[in-house]
Amino acid sequence: MSVQPKKENLRKAVKWIGETKKFEPGKTNQKLVEEAALTFNLSPSDTEFLYRFLRGEAELD
């Protein structure tokens, strides 16, 4: 298992959420963020960022 920078895991989570929304449109943002947080080992602040990102209140650099 390799160690990845946190930013990279966050970018992967955003991409994963976008792809998952296409194939599972009925899944709520909350469920998507919860699954992404576990899958990509995100910190609480990264998880909060995802919620803001999905509401359109944040952007990835």
Protein backbone atom coordinates (compact mmCIF):
# COMPACT_ATOMS: atom_id res chain seq x y z
CA MET A 1 0.00 0.00 0.00
CA SER A 2 1.45 3.34 -0.99
CA VAL A 3 1.13 6.58 0.90
CA GLN A 4 -0.50 9.39 -1.07
CA PRO A 5 -0.66 13.07 -0.27
CA LYS A 6 -3.96 14.04 1.33
CA LYS A 7 -4.79 16.35 -1.55
CA GLU A 8 -4.53 13.43 -3.94
CA ASN A 9 -7.01 11.37 -1.91
CA LEU A 10 -9.40 14.32 -1.87
CA ARG A 11 -9.14 14.71 -5.66
CA LYS A 12 -9.80 10.99 -6.09
CA ALA A 13 -12.82 11.25 -3.78
CA VAL A 14 -14.28 14.11 -5.83
CA LYS A 15 -13.76 12.13 -9.03
CA TRP A 16 -15.26 9.01 -7.46
CA ILE A 17 -18.33 10.94 -6.28
CA GLY A 18 -18.86 12.36 -9.77
CA GLU A 19 -18.65 8.91 -11.35
CA THR A 20 -20.85 7.31 -8.71
CA LYS A 21 -23.54 9.98 -9.17
CA LYS A 22 -23.78 9.02 -12.85
CA PHE A 23 -24.39 5.35 -12.13
CA GLU A 24 -26.32 5.71 -8.88
CA PRO A 25 -28.29 8.97 -9.22
CA GLY A 26 -30.57 8.14 -6.29
CA LYS A 27 -27.72 8.18 -3.78
CA THR A 28 -27.77 11.22 -1.51
CA ASN A 29 -24.81 13.56 -1.17
CA GLN A 30 -24.55 12.56 2.48
CA LYS A 31 -24.24 8.87 1.59
CA LEU A 32 -21.72 9.64 -1.17
CA VAL A 33 -19.56 11.72 1.17
CA GLU A 34 -19.71 9.09 3.93
CA GLU A 35 -18.62 6.36 1.51
CA ALA A 36 -15.89 8.53 -0.01
CA ALA A 37 -14.55 9.43 3.45
CA LEU A 38 -14.17 5.76 4.32
CA THR A 39 -12.90 4.66 0.90
CA PHE A 40 -10.25 7.37 0.63
CA ASN A 41 -9.41 7.69 4.35
CA LEU A 42 -10.32 11.37 4.48
CA SER A 43 -9.92 13.61 7.50
CA PRO A 44 -12.93 15.36 9.06
CA SER A 45 -11.90 18.63 7.39
CA ASP A 46 -11.65 16.90 4.00
CA THR A 47 -15.08 15.39 4.58
CA GLU A 48 -16.50 18.82 5.39
CA PHE A 49 -14.86 20.15 2.24
CA LEU A 50 -16.71 17.52 0.18
CA TYR A 51 -20.04 18.63 1.64
CA ARG A 52 -19.23 22.26 0.77
CA PHE A 53 -17.98 21.25 -2.69
CA LEU A 54 -21.22 19.42 -3.44
CA ARG A 55 -23.24 22.46 -2.35
CA GLY A 56 -21.16 24.61 -4.72
CA GLU A 57 -19.46 26.51 -1.91
CA ALA A 58 -15.90 25.28 -2.52
CA GLU A 59 -13.56 24.53 -5.43
CA LEU A 60 -10.58 22.26 -5.83
CA ASP A 61 -7.33 24.07 -6.58
